[in-house]
Structure formats: C-alpha cells, structure tokens
Protein backbone atom coordinates (compact mmCIF):
# COMPACT_ATOMS: atom_id res chain seq x y z
CA MET A 1 57.36 61.85 62.48
CA GLU A 2 53.78 61.23 63.30
CA LEU A 3 52.32 63.18 66.13
CA ASN A 4 48.79 62.14 68.02
CA HIS A 5 49.58 63.84 71.41
CA VAL A 6 51.65 66.96 71.98
CA LEU A 7 52.00 68.35 75.85
CA ILE A 8 53.33 71.84 75.67
CA VAL A 9 54.42 72.84 79.10
CA ASP A 10 55.22 76.57 79.55
CA ASP A 11 53.94 79.07 82.21
CA SER A 12 52.88 81.75 79.45
CA THR A 13 49.79 81.39 78.18
CA THR A 14 50.80 83.31 74.87
CA SER A 15 53.51 81.11 74.23
CA ARG A 16 51.70 77.94 74.45
CA LEU A 17 49.26 79.50 71.97
CA ILE A 18 52.14 80.58 69.80
CA ILE A 19 53.57 77.25 69.91
CA ARG A 20 50.40 75.64 68.93
CA ARG A 21 49.91 77.71 66.33
CA CYS A 22 53.41 76.64 64.73
CA PHE A 23 52.37 73.09 65.24
CA ASN A 24 49.29 73.93 63.12
CA MET A 25 50.90 75.74 60.59
CA ALA A 26 53.45 73.18 60.28
CA GLY A 27 51.07 70.57 59.48
CA TYR A 28 50.30 68.70 62.69
CA GLY A 29 46.68 70.16 63.06
CA GLU A 30 45.17 66.80 63.74
CA ALA A 31 47.42 66.34 66.67
CA GLU A 32 45.54 66.42 70.46
CA TYR A 33 47.35 69.22 72.25
CA ILE A 34 47.57 69.20 75.93
CA GLU A 35 48.79 72.44 78.01
CA ALA A 36 50.37 72.52 81.37
CA GLU A 37 51.71 75.93 82.67
CA ASP A 38 54.76 74.23 84.83
CA GLY A 39 56.59 71.22 85.44
CA ILE A 40 54.42 70.00 88.27
CA SER A 41 51.06 70.07 86.20
CA GLY A 42 53.30 68.56 83.16
CA LEU A 43 53.98 65.43 85.32
CA ALA A 44 50.69 65.34 86.40
CA GLU A 45 49.41 65.31 82.69
CA LEU A 46 52.05 62.38 81.58
CA ALA A 47 50.41 60.32 84.65
CA ASP A 48 46.95 60.13 82.65
CA ARG A 49 48.06 60.12 78.79
CA LYS A 50 51.03 58.96 76.68
CA PHE A 51 52.24 61.80 74.51
CA ASP A 52 54.47 61.52 71.10
CA VAL A 53 56.27 64.66 71.97
CA ILE A 54 56.52 67.20 74.76
CA VAL A 55 57.50 71.24 74.05
CA THR A 56 58.77 72.61 77.53
CA ASP A 57 60.01 76.35 78.41
CA VAL A 58 62.53 76.49 80.80
CA ASN A 59 62.25 79.67 83.00
CA MET A 60 58.56 78.46 84.71
CA PRO A 61 57.46 78.76 88.71
CA LYS A 62 57.08 75.73 90.87
CA MET A 63 59.30 73.57 88.76
CA ASP A 64 61.51 74.43 85.92
CA GLY A 65 62.18 73.02 82.59
CA ARG A 66 65.43 71.71 83.27
CA THR A 67 64.32 70.06 86.73
CA PHE A 68 61.09 68.64 84.58
CA ILE A 69 63.29 67.14 81.66
CA ARG A 70 65.87 65.34 84.33
CA LYS A 71 62.64 63.99 86.15
CA LEU A 72 61.41 62.56 82.88
CA ALA A 73 64.76 61.19 81.99
CA LEU A 74 64.72 59.69 85.10
CA ASN A 75 61.28 57.72 84.57
CA GLY A 76 61.35 54.55 82.42
CA VAL A 77 57.93 55.23 81.46
CA THR A 78 58.59 59.07 79.98
CA GLN A 79 62.43 58.88 79.43
CA ALA A 80 61.65 57.87 75.70
CA ILE A 81 59.68 60.81 74.54
CA PRO A 82 61.06 63.19 72.81
CA ILE A 83 61.54 66.76 74.32
CA ILE A 84 62.15 69.87 72.36
CA VAL A 85 63.09 72.87 74.82
CA ILE A 86 62.23 76.63 73.20
CA THR A 87 63.76 79.20 75.14
CA SER A 88 65.18 82.64 75.23
CA GLN A 89 68.25 81.32 76.57
CA GLY A 90 69.72 80.09 73.28
CA ASP A 91 73.59 80.34 74.20
CA GLU A 92 75.44 77.26 73.38
CA ALA A 93 76.10 76.28 77.14
CA THR A 94 72.28 76.18 77.81
CA ALA A 95 71.71 74.27 75.12
CA ALA A 96 74.22 71.67 75.86
CA SER A 97 73.32 71.57 79.32
CA LEU A 98 70.11 71.17 78.57
CA MET A 99 70.37 68.33 76.13
CA ASP A 100 72.79 66.88 78.79
CA ALA A 101 69.62 66.79 81.19
CA GLY A 102 67.50 64.97 78.66
CA ALA A 103 66.36 67.31 75.75
CA ALA A 104 66.15 65.82 72.29
CA MET A 105 66.37 69.51 70.80
CA VAL A 106 66.57 73.21 71.81
CA LEU A 107 65.07 76.15 69.62
CA ALA A 108 65.66 79.52 70.54
CA LYS A 109 62.67 82.00 70.68
CA PRO A 110 61.02 82.99 68.58
CA VAL A 111 59.82 79.77 67.22
CA SER A 112 58.34 79.45 63.70
CA PRO A 113 56.72 76.45 61.86
CA ALA A 114 59.98 76.13 60.00
CA LYS A 115 61.84 75.65 63.28
CA ILE A 116 59.22 72.89 64.60
CA VAL A 117 59.39 70.86 61.16
CA ASP A 118 63.16 70.83 61.21
CA ALA A 119 63.24 70.02 64.87
CA LEU A 120 61.07 67.06 64.08
CA ASP A 121 62.90 65.94 61.67
CA ARG A 122 66.10 65.89 63.50
CA ILE A 123 64.49 63.94 66.43
CA SER A 124 63.24 61.50 63.96
CA GLY A 125 66.72 61.31 62.99
CA ASN A 126 69.58 61.93 65.21
CA GLY A 127 68.53 65.21 67.38
CA GLY A 128 70.89 68.02 67.59
CA ILE A 129 71.00 71.76 68.80
CA GLN A 130 69.50 74.37 66.50
C-alpha cells in the first residue's frame, strides 16, 4: 500500500510519536504525517487535506474515536479512507463494534512496525481484526 499522507489522531503525544516511529520503521518514512489530539481536531485536518489512511485512538477528550469514526463513515468524502484503530481495549466485542462503526482494522496496544505492516497489507486486501 502506498502512503503519502497519514493522519494520526490520539490525545497522547507519546502515543502519536510511537505510532509515527512504527510507520517509519515499517518503511513509510517518506509519508507526510499530520497529528491531531482528538476527533474534533482530526475532522478539522480532514477539511484541509486528503489522507491515505487514518490512525486513531478510542479514548480521547472532546470527541472520542468511536464518534470520530462514525462521523467519517457518514461523510461521502471521508468514508473511503481506511481507519486503523490502536487501542488498549483489545477485546473482541470492542473490536467488533469499532469495525461496525467504520474502522478497517483494530490493533491492540502496544503497536509495532510489524502490526502496522500487517494492518496495511490486510486493508489493501480485505481488512480484519488483529
């Protein structure tokens, strides 16, 4: 999967840095990374740019990841952008509800370059839960 523009939405500066490093280590160092601290900021970034993939957390202030994903799924412009959710809530019920909301992949923390590569490979094919 070719990535030129990646949106990372997470309220934790450290988590955003780790996600970015995992993408870089996975071979996507040339992509442009835009960061947002919550769903509202993420939506604002989407108004200005086009993204190849969105990575989001679930638990965030102002607008949580689940609401953010639902809003993207309802928008004709953003509904086709694959969304990877990285969460500490890795149980199957949570993953299934996030997939129902519009996520392409749900990854349990901690994230790694191998998980990123696998998620992007699955998104390119048929998606799934890891």
